[in-house]
Amino acid sequence: ALRGEEQRLEGVAATLPSLASESLELMLEAQGEVTLDFADTLRLEWTRDGLRLARRSLACGEWMHRYWQGDARRLHILCDRSSVEIFINDGEGVMSSRYFPAADATLGFEGDAQLRLRYWSLRACMVE
C-alpha cells in the first residue's frame, strides 16, 4: 500500500542512473559482480560467492562487515530513513543494517554485471 508507481531498469550496473534511496523498495537480479552504494554509508558487494555488507561505524567511522555465503540469485531490498533489509533468494537468507543517510540519499551501482531491477519509492507511513 505504500508503493509509488513501479519503475524498471535494465543494463550494465555502472551505466545505470542512481536512485533516490531515502525510502525505497527494490527487487534485483544480476549476472556478474556488482556493488550497491547506499549514500557512501552502506555498501553491498554481490559476487558469485555471496554477499558482503559493509557499514560505517557510528562510533569511529571505520567500515564494519557482515557476510552471507552462497549463490545469491535475487535480492529484495527495503530502505527507509533508518534501516536497510535485504532478503536473499526469496527469504533463504536475510541481512539487515541500521542506515542513516544524509539528506537526498542515493543508491548507486558499480561493476560490470548485467542488472534487471524493479523498484518503487515508498510513501511515508502514519502510525496512529
Protein backbone atom coordinates (compact mmCIF):
# COMPACT_ATOMS: atom_id res chain seq x y z
CA ALA A 1 0.00 0.00 0.00
CA LEU A 2 2.99 2.33 0.46
CA ARG A 3 4.42 1.74 -3.01
CA GLY A 4 4.52 4.51 -5.58
CA GLU A 5 4.50 3.75 -9.30
CA GLU A 6 6.63 0.76 -10.34
CA GLN A 7 9.79 1.61 -12.27
CA ARG A 8 12.08 -0.75 -14.20
CA LEU A 9 15.73 -0.55 -15.22
CA GLU A 10 17.95 -2.97 -17.09
CA GLY A 11 21.56 -2.75 -18.21
CA VAL A 12 25.20 -2.81 -17.12
CA ALA A 13 25.46 -1.75 -13.47
CA ALA A 14 27.97 1.08 -13.94
CA THR A 15 25.80 2.69 -16.64
CA LEU A 16 22.55 2.79 -14.65
CA PRO A 17 21.41 6.03 -13.01
CA SER A 18 21.45 6.44 -9.24
CA LEU A 19 18.13 6.05 -7.42
CA ALA A 20 16.76 8.12 -4.58
CA SER A 21 17.16 5.75 -1.61
CA GLU A 22 15.66 7.53 1.36
CA SER A 23 12.56 5.32 1.17
CA LEU A 24 12.74 2.60 -1.49
CA GLU A 25 11.75 -0.98 -2.32
CA LEU A 26 13.92 -2.76 -4.89
CA MET A 27 13.83 -6.22 -6.50
CA LEU A 28 17.09 -7.03 -8.23
CA GLU A 29 18.62 -9.78 -10.36
CA ALA A 30 22.25 -9.71 -11.50
CA GLN A 31 24.50 -11.66 -13.84
CA GLY A 32 28.05 -10.86 -12.76
CA GLU A 33 29.52 -8.91 -9.86
CA VAL A 34 28.03 -5.65 -8.64
CA THR A 35 28.38 -3.23 -5.74
CA LEU A 36 25.45 -1.22 -4.43
CA ASP A 37 26.49 2.02 -2.74
CA PHE A 38 23.89 3.41 -0.35
CA ALA A 39 24.89 7.08 0.04
CA ASP A 40 28.50 6.18 0.95
CA THR A 41 27.12 4.95 4.27
CA LEU A 42 26.43 1.31 3.40
CA ARG A 43 27.90 -0.88 0.64
CA LEU A 44 26.67 -4.25 -0.58
CA GLU A 45 29.13 -6.28 -2.68
CA TRP A 46 27.44 -9.10 -4.60
CA THR A 47 29.80 -11.75 -6.03
CA ARG A 48 29.33 -15.34 -7.18
CA ASP A 49 30.45 -16.46 -3.68
CA GLY A 50 27.84 -14.43 -1.79
CA LEU A 51 27.30 -11.02 -0.27
CA ARG A 52 29.39 -8.67 1.83
CA LEU A 53 27.55 -5.86 3.60
CA ALA A 54 29.75 -3.02 4.86
CA ARG A 55 28.59 -0.17 7.09
CA ARG A 56 30.49 2.71 8.58
CA SER A 57 30.65 2.51 12.38
CA LEU A 58 28.64 5.25 14.04
CA ALA A 59 31.27 5.47 16.79
CA CYS A 60 34.52 5.70 14.79
CA GLY A 61 33.65 5.82 11.06
CA GLU A 62 35.54 2.60 10.20
CA TRP A 63 33.92 0.05 7.90
CA MET A 64 32.36 -3.00 9.62
CA HIS A 65 31.46 -6.11 7.57
CA ARG A 66 28.85 -8.86 7.55
CA TYR A 67 28.78 -11.81 5.16
CA TRP A 68 26.31 -14.20 3.55
CA GLN A 69 27.84 -17.10 1.63
CA GLY A 70 26.04 -18.92 -1.12
CA ASP A 71 24.52 -18.49 -4.55
CA ALA A 72 22.50 -15.28 -4.39
CA ARG A 73 20.21 -15.17 -7.42
CA ARG A 74 17.71 -12.47 -6.38
CA LEU A 75 17.62 -9.67 -3.83
CA HIS A 76 14.60 -7.88 -2.40
CA ILE A 77 15.74 -4.70 -0.62
CA LEU A 78 13.75 -2.31 1.56
CA CYS A 79 15.30 1.03 2.59
CA ASP A 80 13.85 3.64 4.87
CA ARG A 81 15.30 6.51 6.85
CA SER A 82 16.96 4.29 9.44
CA SER A 83 17.34 0.74 8.13
CA VAL A 84 18.02 -1.50 5.15
CA GLU A 85 16.56 -5.02 4.93
CA ILE A 86 17.93 -7.43 2.32
CA PHE A 87 16.03 -10.64 1.52
CA ILE A 88 18.15 -13.13 -0.42
CA ASN A 89 16.59 -15.68 -2.81
CA ASP A 90 13.01 -15.06 -1.68
CA GLY A 91 13.89 -15.28 2.02
CA GLU A 92 16.53 -18.04 2.01
CA GLY A 93 18.77 -15.54 3.79
CA VAL A 94 18.30 -12.11 5.34
CA MET A 95 20.71 -9.27 6.10
CA SER A 96 19.83 -6.01 7.80
CA SER A 97 21.58 -2.90 8.97
CA ARG A 98 20.91 0.45 10.50
CA TYR A 99 21.14 3.17 7.88
CA PHE A 100 21.42 6.91 8.49
CA PRO A 101 21.96 8.62 5.13
CA ALA A 102 22.35 12.35 4.68
CA ALA A 103 19.55 14.30 3.03
CA ASP A 104 18.90 13.38 -0.61
CA ALA A 105 20.40 9.88 -0.19
CA THR A 106 21.07 7.94 -3.38
CA LEU A 107 21.73 4.32 -4.31
CA GLY A 108 24.46 3.89 -6.93
CA PHE A 109 25.57 0.84 -8.87
CA GLU A 110 29.17 -0.17 -9.68
CA GLY A 111 30.56 -3.05 -11.72
CA ASP A 112 30.07 -4.85 -15.00
CA ALA A 113 27.12 -7.04 -14.00
CA GLN A 114 24.04 -7.10 -16.17
CA LEU A 115 21.21 -5.93 -13.86
CA ARG A 116 17.46 -6.17 -14.07
CA LEU A 117 15.50 -4.35 -11.41
CA ARG A 118 12.05 -3.24 -10.40
CA TYR A 119 11.69 -0.51 -7.80
CA TRP A 120 9.21 1.69 -6.03
CA SER A 121 9.52 4.86 -3.98
CA LEU A 122 7.68 4.30 -0.71
CA ARG A 123 5.23 6.76 0.79
CA ALA A 124 5.51 7.79 4.42
CA CYS A 125 3.57 5.67 6.89
CA MET A 126 1.47 7.31 9.57
CA VAL A 127 1.04 5.34 12.76
CA GLU A 128 -1.92 6.46 14.83
